[in-house]
Amino acid sequence: MSTSTLNGSCPECETDVTTPPMAKGETISCPECMLTLRVEDVQDGRLALQMVAVKLRDWGQ
């Protein structure tokens, strides 16, 4: 069975996230808290999402 959308939830704010088909390792942004999320697994139309640590650049100020 093929689905046209996948569902998951943001691990930070628990917002439901619906996306077109994605593969493990791809990233998306949470529409609510704007956190960058990586797809860790896709199983039965459900996404397992993990927060991506964003390193800010030190401009020496």
PDB file of N, CA and C in Angstrom:
ATOM      1  N   MET A   1       0.838  -1.175   0.000  1.00  0.00           N
ATOM      2  CA  MET A   1       0.000   0.000   0.000  1.00  0.00           C
ATOM      3  C   MET A   1       0.891   1.249   0.000  1.00  0.00           C
ATOM      4  N   SER A   2       0.668   2.142  -0.937  1.00  0.00           N
ATOM      5  CA  SER A   2       1.449   3.369  -1.041  1.00  0.00           C
ATOM      6  C   SER A   2       0.614   4.544  -0.554  1.00  0.00           C
ATOM      7  N   THR A   3       1.239   5.407   0.240  1.00  0.00           N
ATOM      8  CA  THR A   3       0.525   6.578   0.725  1.00  0.00           C
ATOM      9  C   THR A   3       1.117   7.819   0.092  1.00  0.00           C
ATOM     10  N   SER A   4       0.275   8.852  -0.088  1.00  0.00           N
ATOM     11  CA  SER A   4       0.760  10.070  -0.705  1.00  0.00           C
ATOM     12  C   SER A   4       1.274  11.057   0.336  1.00  0.00           C
ATOM     13  N   THR A   5       0.949  10.841   1.608  1.00  0.00           N
ATOM     14  CA  THR A   5       1.473  11.693   2.673  1.00  0.00           C
ATOM     15  C   THR A   5       1.933  10.841   3.844  1.00  0.00           C
ATOM     16  N   LEU A   6       2.857  11.399   4.624  1.00  0.00           N
ATOM     17  CA  LEU A   6       3.350  10.741   5.831  1.00  0.00           C
ATOM     18  C   LEU A   6       3.042  11.641   7.021  1.00  0.00           C
ATOM     19  N   ASN A   7       2.864  11.039   8.180  1.00  0.00           N
ATOM     20  CA  ASN A   7       2.548  11.790   9.386  1.00  0.00           C
ATOM     21  C   ASN A   7       3.564  11.506  10.477  1.00  0.00           C
ATOM     22  N   GLY A   8       3.772  12.503  11.309  1.00  0.00           N
ATOM     23  CA  GLY A   8       4.660  12.365  12.453  1.00  0.00           C
ATOM     24  C   GLY A   8       4.355  13.497  13.416  1.00  0.00           C
ATOM     25  N   SER A   9       5.140  13.600  14.473  1.00  0.00           N
ATOM     26  CA  SER A   9       4.953  14.713  15.398  1.00  0.00           C
ATOM     27  C   SER A   9       6.307  15.241  15.837  1.00  0.00           C
ATOM     28  N   CYS A  10       6.351  16.553  16.048  1.00  0.00           N
ATOM     29  CA  CYS A  10       7.578  17.212  16.462  1.00  0.00           C
ATOM     30  C   CYS A  10       7.927  16.755  17.881  1.00  0.00           C
ATOM     31  N   PRO A  11       9.162  16.300  18.111  1.00  0.00           N
ATOM     32  CA  PRO A  11       9.534  15.841  19.445  1.00  0.00           C
ATOM     33  C   PRO A  11       9.645  16.991  20.465  1.00  0.00           C
ATOM     34  N   GLU A  12       9.715  18.231  19.992  1.00  0.00           N
ATOM     35  CA  GLU A  12       9.834  19.377  20.890  1.00  0.00           C
ATOM     36  C   GLU A  12       8.471  19.919  21.311  1.00  0.00           C
ATOM     37  N   CYS A  13       7.610  20.252  20.325  1.00  0.00           N
ATOM     38  CA  CYS A  13       6.329  20.902  20.645  1.00  0.00           C
ATOM     39  C   CYS A  13       5.124  19.989  20.428  1.00  0.00           C
ATOM     40  N   GLU A  14       5.358  18.773  19.916  1.00  0.00           N
ATOM     41  CA  GLU A  14       4.331  17.753  19.692  1.00  0.00           C
ATOM     42  C   GLU A  14       3.287  18.132  18.642  1.00  0.00           C
ATOM     43  N   THR A  15       3.623  19.088  17.775  1.00  0.00           N
ATOM     44  CA  THR A  15       2.746  19.457  16.671  1.00  0.00           C
ATOM     45  C   THR A  15       2.710  18.326  15.657  1.00  0.00           C
ATOM     46  N   ASP A  16       1.516  18.023  15.135  1.00  0.00           N
ATOM     47  CA  ASP A  16       1.403  17.025  14.075  1.00  0.00           C
ATOM     48  C   ASP A  16       2.021  17.584  12.801  1.00  0.00           C
ATOM     49  N   VAL A  17       2.836  16.766  12.146  1.00  0.00           N
ATOM     50  CA  VAL A  17       3.527  17.155  10.920  1.00  0.00           C
ATOM     51  C   VAL A  17       3.097  16.194   9.817  1.00  0.00           C
ATOM     52  N   THR A  18       2.610  16.745   8.694  1.00  0.00           N
ATOM     53  CA  THR A  18       2.230  15.946   7.534  1.00  0.00           C
ATOM     54  C   THR A  18       3.116  16.366   6.370  1.00  0.00           C
ATOM     55  N   THR A  19       3.716  15.385   5.702  1.00  0.00           N
ATOM     56  CA  THR A  19       4.650  15.672   4.612  1.00  0.00           C
ATOM     57  C   THR A  19       4.355  14.785   3.409  1.00  0.00           C
ATOM     58  N   PRO A  20       4.854  15.177   2.249  1.00  0.00           N
ATOM     59  CA  PRO A  20       4.851  14.240   1.125  1.00  0.00           C
ATOM     60  C   PRO A  20       5.837  13.121   1.448  1.00  0.00           C
ATOM     61  N   PRO A  21       5.880  12.069   0.651  1.00  0.00           N
ATOM     62  CA  PRO A  21       6.812  10.970   0.935  1.00  0.00           C
ATOM     63  C   PRO A  21       8.249  11.456   1.122  1.00  0.00           C
ATOM     64  N   MET A  22       8.897  10.948   2.156  1.00  0.00           N
ATOM     65  CA  MET A  22      10.273  11.313   2.480  1.00  0.00           C
ATOM     66  C   MET A  22      11.065  10.056   2.785  1.00  0.00           C
ATOM     67  N   ALA A  23      12.381  10.168   2.672  1.00  0.00           N
ATOM     68  CA  ALA A  23      13.279   9.051   2.955  1.00  0.00           C
ATOM     69  C   ALA A  23      14.056   9.329   4.233  1.00  0.00           C
ATOM     70  N   LYS A  24      14.555   8.274   4.832  1.00  0.00           N
ATOM     71  CA  LYS A  24      15.379   8.388   6.031  1.00  0.00           C
ATOM     72  C   LYS A  24      16.559   9.319   5.758  1.00  0.00           C
ATOM     73  N   GLY A  25      16.813  10.242   6.689  1.00  0.00           N
ATOM     74  CA  GLY A  25      17.926  11.177   6.556  1.00  0.00           C
ATOM     75  C   GLY A  25      17.535  12.545   6.021  1.00  0.00           C
ATOM     76  N   GLU A  26      16.363  12.664   5.411  1.00  0.00           N
ATOM     77  CA  GLU A  26      15.919  13.962   4.921  1.00  0.00           C
ATOM     78  C   GLU A  26      15.518  14.848   6.098  1.00  0.00           C
ATOM     79  N   THR A  27      15.546  16.164   5.887  1.00  0.00           N
ATOM     80  CA  THR A  27      15.187  17.095   6.953  1.00  0.00           C
ATOM     81  C   THR A  27      13.997  17.954   6.552  1.00  0.00           C
ATOM     82  N   ILE A  28      13.247  18.368   7.569  1.00  0.00           N
ATOM     83  CA  ILE A  28      12.116  19.278   7.407  1.00  0.00           C
ATOM     84  C   ILE A  28      12.130  20.244   8.588  1.00  0.00           C
ATOM     85  N   SER A  29      11.315  21.284   8.499  1.00  0.00           N
ATOM     86  CA  SER A  29      11.151  22.210   9.614  1.00  0.00           C
ATOM     87  C   SER A  29       9.764  22.046  10.203  1.00  0.00           C
ATOM     88  N   CYS A  30       9.673  22.081  11.525  1.00  0.00           N
ATOM     89  CA  CYS A  30       8.380  22.027  12.193  1.00  0.00           C
ATOM     90  C   CYS A  30       7.632  23.315  11.859  1.00  0.00           C
ATOM     91  N   PRO A  31       6.372  23.215  11.416  1.00  0.00           N
ATOM     92  CA  PRO A  31       5.629  24.423  11.058  1.00  0.00           C
ATOM     93  C   PRO A  31       5.280  25.296  12.273  1.00  0.00           C
ATOM     94  N   GLU A  32       5.339  24.745  13.458  1.00  0.00           N
ATOM     95  CA  GLU A  32       4.979  25.492  14.665  1.00  0.00           C
ATOM     96  C   GLU A  32       6.193  26.132  15.338  1.00  0.00           C
ATOM     97  N   CYS A  33       7.201  25.345  15.701  1.00  0.00           N
ATOM     98  CA  CYS A  33       8.348  25.877  16.453  1.00  0.00           C
ATOM     99  C   CYS A  33       9.573  26.129  15.573  1.00  0.00           C
ATOM    100  N   MET A  34       9.487  25.780  14.275  1.00  0.00           N
ATOM    101  CA  MET A  34      10.544  26.011  13.288  1.00  0.00           C
ATOM    102  C   MET A  34      11.831  25.211  13.550  1.00  0.00           C
ATOM    103  N   LEU A  35      11.772  24.225  14.402  1.00  0.00           N
ATOM    104  CA  LEU A  35      12.915  23.377  14.685  1.00  0.00           C
ATOM    105  C   LEU A  35      13.218  22.512  13.462  1.00  0.00           C
ATOM    106  N   THR A  36      14.496  22.287  13.172  1.00  0.00           N
ATOM    107  CA  THR A  36      14.887  21.404  12.075  1.00  0.00           C
ATOM    108  C   THR A  36      14.815  19.965  12.563  1.00  0.00           C
ATOM    109  N   LEU A  37      14.105  19.131  11.806  1.00  0.00           N
ATOM    110  CA  LEU A  37      13.881  17.736  12.172  1.00  0.00           C
ATOM    111  C   LEU A  37      14.426  16.816  11.089  1.00  0.00           C
ATOM    112  N   ARG A  38      15.029  15.716  11.499  1.00  0.00           N
ATOM    113  CA  ARG A  38      15.543  14.711  10.562  1.00  0.00           C
ATOM    114  C   ARG A  38      14.666  13.469  10.650  1.00  0.00           C
ATOM    115  N   VAL A  39      14.354  12.890   9.493  1.00  0.00           N
ATOM    116  CA  VAL A  39      13.586  11.646   9.439  1.00  0.00           C
ATOM    117  C   VAL A  39      14.520  10.510   9.848  1.00  0.00           C
ATOM    118  N   GLU A  40      14.226   9.860  10.961  1.00  0.00           N
ATOM    119  CA  GLU A  40      15.029   8.734  11.449  1.00  0.00           C
ATOM    120  C   GLU A  40      14.505   7.400  10.926  1.00  0.00           C
ATOM    121  N   ASP A  41      13.191   7.332  10.687  1.00  0.00           N
ATOM    122  CA  ASP A  41      12.593   6.086  10.218  1.00  0.00           C
ATOM    123  C   ASP A  41      11.225   6.399   9.622  1.00  0.00           C
ATOM    124  N   VAL A  42      10.801   5.587   8.663  1.00  0.00           N
ATOM    125  CA  VAL A  42       9.464   5.677   8.084  1.00  0.00           C
ATOM    126  C   VAL A  42       8.863   4.292   8.151  1.00  0.00           C
ATOM    127  N   GLN A  43       7.742   4.167   8.847  1.00  0.00           N
ATOM    128  CA  GLN A  43       7.130   2.851   9.002  1.00  0.00           C
ATOM    129  C   GLN A  43       5.614   2.986   9.001  1.00  0.00           C
ATOM    130  N   ASP A  44       4.948   2.284   8.092  1.00  0.00           N
ATOM    131  CA  ASP A  44       3.490   2.285   7.972  1.00  0.00           C
ATOM    132  C   ASP A  44       2.910   3.696   7.885  1.00  0.00           C
ATOM    133  N   GLY A  45       3.559   4.558   7.084  1.00  0.00           N
ATOM    134  CA  GLY A  45       3.059   5.914   6.887  1.00  0.00           C
ATOM    135  C   GLY A  45       3.328   6.857   8.043  1.00  0.00           C
ATOM    136  N   ARG A  46       4.132   6.411   8.998  1.00  0.00           N
ATOM    137  CA  ARG A  46       4.431   7.217  10.192  1.00  0.00           C
ATOM    138  C   ARG A  46       5.912   7.583  10.206  1.00  0.00           C
ATOM    139  N   LEU A  47       6.201   8.862  10.453  1.00  0.00           N
ATOM    140  CA  LEU A  47       7.580   9.340  10.520  1.00  0.00           C
ATOM    141  C   LEU A  47       8.089   9.311  11.950  1.00  0.00           C
ATOM    142  N   ALA A  48       9.320   8.848  12.126  1.00  0.00           N
ATOM    143  CA  ALA A  48      10.022   8.992  13.403  1.00  0.00           C
ATOM    144  C   ALA A  48      10.973  10.161  13.205  1.00  0.00           C
ATOM    145  N   LEU A  49      10.742  11.259  13.928  1.00  0.00           N
ATOM    146  CA  LEU A  49      11.513  12.485  13.744  1.00  0.00           C
ATOM    147  C   LEU A  49      12.434  12.748  14.923  1.00  0.00           C
ATOM    148  N   GLN A  50      13.602  13.301  14.632  1.00  0.00           N
ATOM    149  CA  GLN A  50      14.612  13.610  15.649  1.00  0.00           C
ATOM    150  C   GLN A  50      15.072  15.051  15.433  1.00  0.00           C
ATOM    151  N   MET A  51      15.285  15.781  16.529  1.00  0.00           N
ATOM    152  CA  MET A  51      15.795  17.144  16.433  1.00  0.00           C
ATOM    153  C   MET A  51      17.210  17.138  15.863  1.00  0.00           C
ATOM    154  N   VAL A  52      17.526  18.128  15.050  1.00  0.00           N
ATOM    155  CA  VAL A  52      18.873  18.289  14.509  1.00  0.00           C
ATOM    156  C   VAL A  52      19.531  19.436  15.269  1.00  0.00           C
ATOM    157  N   ALA A  53      20.700  19.176  15.831  1.00  0.00           N
ATOM    158  CA  ALA A  53      21.435  20.223  16.545  1.00  0.00           C
ATOM    159  C   ALA A  53      21.984  21.207  15.517  1.00  0.00           C
ATOM    160  N   VAL A  54      21.606  22.456  15.679  1.00  0.00           N
ATOM    161  CA  VAL A  54      22.059  23.500  14.770  1.00  0.00           C
ATOM    162  C   VAL A  54      23.182  24.259  15.453  1.00  0.00           C
ATOM    163  N   LYS A  55      24.332  24.288  14.797  1.00  0.00           N
ATOM    164  CA  LYS A  55      25.479  25.012  15.353  1.00  0.00           C
ATOM    165  C   LYS A  55      25.499  26.414  14.760  1.00  0.00           C
ATOM    166  N   LEU A  56      25.436  27.403  15.635  1.00  0.00           N
ATOM    167  CA  LEU A  56      25.482  28.779  15.179  1.00  0.00           C
ATOM    168  C   LEU A  56      26.929  29.198  14.972  1.00  0.00           C
ATOM    169  N   ARG A  57      27.142  29.986  13.990  1.00  0.00           N
ATOM    170  CA  ARG A  57      28.496  30.431  13.682  1.00  0.00           C
ATOM    171  C   ARG A  57      28.926  31.533  14.644  1.00  0.00           C
ATOM    172  N   ASP A  58      30.125  31.431  15.142  1.00  0.00           N
ATOM    173  CA  ASP A  58      30.685  32.446  16.032  1.00  0.00           C
ATOM    174  C   ASP A  58      31.388  33.484  15.164  1.00  0.00           C
ATOM    175  N   TRP A  59      30.831  34.683  15.147  1.00  0.00           N
ATOM    176  CA  TRP A  59      31.381  35.751  14.317  1.00  0.00           C
ATOM    177  C   TRP A  59      32.457  36.546  15.056  1.00  0.00           C
ATOM    178  N   GLY A  60      32.822  36.118  16.272  1.00  0.00           N
ATOM    179  CA  GLY A  60      33.892  36.760  17.014  1.00  0.00           C
ATOM    180  C   GLY A  60      33.536  38.121  17.577  1.00  0.00           C
ATOM    181  N   GLN A  61      32.270  38.314  17.846  1.00  0.00           N
ATOM    182  CA  GLN A  61      31.829  39.604  18.376  1.00  0.00           C
ATOM    183  C   GLN A  61      31.705  39.578  19.868  1.00  0.00           C
TER     184      GLN A  61
END
